[in-house]
């Protein structure tokens, strides 16, 4: 069962990323989703690391409340695409 992202799960850490939801990073003043392609989907997606912008500036959303919801939606689309690709390949 997958855990749904909630705002209280997102805490700041000393690093440049949000600790509890490790896909969300700050880069050049914008929130990005950064993640690796899971091993089970690597045959269907040739990218090793995926970096996609949320389009949200850190200065406008310093606690990543809005960026977190955008990142969760982006992650859901990525997962759905990987599942669809692996299903088509069977």
C-alpha atoms as a PDB file:
ATOM      1  CA  UNK A   1       0.000   0.000   0.000  1.00  0.00           C
ATOM      2  CA  UNK A   2       1.434   3.355  -1.015  1.00  0.00           C
ATOM      3  CA  UNK A   3       1.540   6.210   1.451  1.00  0.00           C
ATOM      4  CA  UNK A   4      -0.058   9.425   0.304  1.00  0.00           C
ATOM      5  CA  UNK A   5       1.953  12.640   0.604  1.00  0.00           C
ATOM      6  CA  UNK A   6       0.643  14.994   3.259  1.00  0.00           C
ATOM      7  CA  UNK A   7       1.981  18.352   4.325  1.00  0.00           C
ATOM      8  CA  UNK A   8       2.986  17.254   7.818  1.00  0.00           C
ATOM      9  CA  UNK A   9       5.256  14.568   6.313  1.00  0.00           C
ATOM     10  CA  UNK A  10       7.352  17.245   4.637  1.00  0.00           C
ATOM     11  CA  UNK A  11      10.003  18.598   6.956  1.00  0.00           C
ATOM     12  CA  UNK A  12      13.065  20.658   6.273  1.00  0.00           C
ATOM     13  CA  UNK A  13      16.480  19.087   6.608  1.00  0.00           C
ATOM     14  CA  UNK A  14      19.975  20.518   6.650  1.00  0.00           C
ATOM     15  CA  UNK A  15      20.448  19.434   3.047  1.00  0.00           C
ATOM     16  CA  UNK A  16      18.943  21.218   0.065  1.00  0.00           C
ATOM     17  CA  UNK A  17      15.981  18.859  -0.142  1.00  0.00           C
ATOM     18  CA  UNK A  18      12.856  18.033   1.799  1.00  0.00           C
ATOM     19  CA  UNK A  19      13.711  15.127   4.088  1.00  0.00           C
ATOM     20  CA  UNK A  20      10.583  13.000   4.210  1.00  0.00           C
ATOM     21  CA  UNK A  21       9.736  13.188   0.551  1.00  0.00           C
ATOM     22  CA  UNK A  22      13.121  12.801  -1.040  1.00  0.00           C
ATOM     23  CA  UNK A  23      11.968  13.438  -4.634  1.00  0.00           C
ATOM     24  CA  UNK A  24      11.508  17.172  -4.010  1.00  0.00           C
ATOM     25  CA  UNK A  25      14.661  19.307  -4.348  1.00  0.00           C
ATOM     26  CA  UNK A  26      15.535  22.978  -4.595  1.00  0.00           C
ATOM     27  CA  UNK A  27      17.597  23.888  -7.640  1.00  0.00           C
ATOM     28  CA  UNK A  28      18.343  27.393  -8.899  1.00  0.00           C
ATOM     29  CA  UNK A  29      15.494  28.774  -6.788  1.00  0.00           C
ATOM     30  CA  UNK A  30      12.845  26.392  -8.184  1.00  0.00           C
ATOM     31  CA  UNK A  31      11.376  23.190  -6.742  1.00  0.00           C
ATOM     32  CA  UNK A  32      12.178  20.091  -8.830  1.00  0.00           C
ATOM     33  CA  UNK A  33      11.210  16.455  -8.625  1.00  0.00           C
ATOM     34  CA  UNK A  34      14.338  14.317  -8.959  1.00  0.00           C
ATOM     35  CA  UNK A  35      14.279  10.543  -8.886  1.00  0.00           C
ATOM     36  CA  UNK A  36      15.823   7.447 -10.387  1.00  0.00           C
ATOM     37  CA  UNK A  37      13.929   5.071 -12.607  1.00  0.00           C
ATOM     38  CA  UNK A  38      13.107   1.995 -10.472  1.00  0.00           C
ATOM     39  CA  UNK A  39      15.036  -1.142 -11.490  1.00  0.00           C
ATOM     40  CA  UNK A  40      11.912  -2.999 -12.534  1.00  0.00           C
ATOM     41  CA  UNK A  41      11.093  -0.245 -15.052  1.00  0.00           C
ATOM     42  CA  UNK A  42      14.607   0.381 -16.402  1.00  0.00           C
ATOM     43  CA  UNK A  43      14.016  -1.846 -19.462  1.00  0.00           C
ATOM     44  CA  UNK A  44      11.126   0.464 -20.434  1.00  0.00           C
ATOM     45  CA  UNK A  45      12.707   3.852 -19.615  1.00  0.00           C
ATOM     46  CA  UNK A  46      16.290   4.512 -20.696  1.00  0.00           C
ATOM     47  CA  UNK A  47      16.766   7.541 -18.436  1.00  0.00           C
ATOM     48  CA  UNK A  48      18.781   6.886 -15.292  1.00  0.00           C
ATOM     49  CA  UNK A  49      17.761  10.012 -13.367  1.00  0.00           C
ATOM     50  CA  UNK A  50      14.658  12.079 -14.002  1.00  0.00           C
ATOM     51  CA  UNK A  51      14.625  15.787 -13.133  1.00  0.00           C
ATOM     52  CA  UNK A  52      11.408  17.696 -13.787  1.00  0.00           C
ATOM     53  CA  UNK A  53      10.516  21.216 -12.706  1.00  0.00           C
ATOM     54  CA  UNK A  54       7.395  21.878 -10.677  1.00  0.00           C
ATOM     55  CA  UNK A  55       7.467  25.463 -11.954  1.00  0.00           C
ATOM     56  CA  UNK A  56       7.156  26.738  -8.369  1.00  0.00           C
ATOM     57  CA  UNK A  57       9.745  29.228  -7.110  1.00  0.00           C
ATOM     58  CA  UNK A  58      11.180  28.477  -3.673  1.00  0.00           C
ATOM     59  CA  UNK A  59      10.765  32.107  -2.631  1.00  0.00           C
ATOM     60  CA  UNK A  60       6.995  31.851  -3.314  1.00  0.00           C
ATOM     61  CA  UNK A  61       6.636  28.469  -1.569  1.00  0.00           C
ATOM     62  CA  UNK A  62       9.483  28.097   0.968  1.00  0.00           C
ATOM     63  CA  UNK A  63       7.846  25.207   2.851  1.00  0.00           C
ATOM     64  CA  UNK A  64       7.029  23.374  -0.414  1.00  0.00           C
ATOM     65  CA  UNK A  65       3.318  23.118   0.325  1.00  0.00           C
ATOM     66  CA  UNK A  66       2.169  23.792  -3.229  1.00  0.00           C
ATOM     67  CA  UNK A  67       5.294  22.274  -4.810  1.00  0.00           C
ATOM     68  CA  UNK A  68       4.701  19.083  -2.827  1.00  0.00           C
ATOM     69  CA  UNK A  69       1.245  18.606  -4.310  1.00  0.00           C
ATOM     70  CA  UNK A  70       2.579  19.322  -7.817  1.00  0.00           C
ATOM     71  CA  UNK A  71       5.457  16.879  -7.236  1.00  0.00           C
ATOM     72  CA  UNK A  72       3.026  14.200  -6.042  1.00  0.00           C
ATOM     73  CA  UNK A  73       1.006  14.632  -9.239  1.00  0.00           C
ATOM     74  CA  UNK A  74       4.158  14.447 -11.399  1.00  0.00           C
ATOM     75  CA  UNK A  75       5.264  11.331  -9.539  1.00  0.00           C
ATOM     76  CA  UNK A  76       1.855   9.712 -10.049  1.00  0.00           C
ATOM     77  CA  UNK A  77       2.085  10.345 -13.805  1.00  0.00           C
ATOM     78  CA  UNK A  78       5.610   8.886 -13.927  1.00  0.00           C
ATOM     79  CA  UNK A  79       4.493   5.770 -12.065  1.00  0.00           C
ATOM     80  CA  UNK A  80       1.438   5.359 -14.293  1.00  0.00           C
ATOM     81  CA  UNK A  81       3.585   5.674 -17.427  1.00  0.00           C
ATOM     82  CA  UNK A  82       6.024   3.050 -16.163  1.00  0.00           C
ATOM     83  CA  UNK A  83       3.221   0.648 -15.288  1.00  0.00           C
ATOM     84  CA  UNK A  84       1.615   1.172 -18.707  1.00  0.00           C
ATOM     85  CA  UNK A  85       4.942   0.628 -20.487  1.00  0.00           C
ATOM     86  CA  UNK A  86       5.633  -2.593 -18.596  1.00  0.00           C
ATOM     87  CA  UNK A  87       2.094  -3.846 -19.276  1.00  0.00           C
ATOM     88  CA  UNK A  88       2.379  -3.135 -23.028  1.00  0.00           C
ATOM     89  CA  UNK A  89       5.698  -4.993 -23.200  1.00  0.00           C
ATOM     90  CA  UNK A  90       4.202  -8.237 -21.868  1.00  0.00           C
END
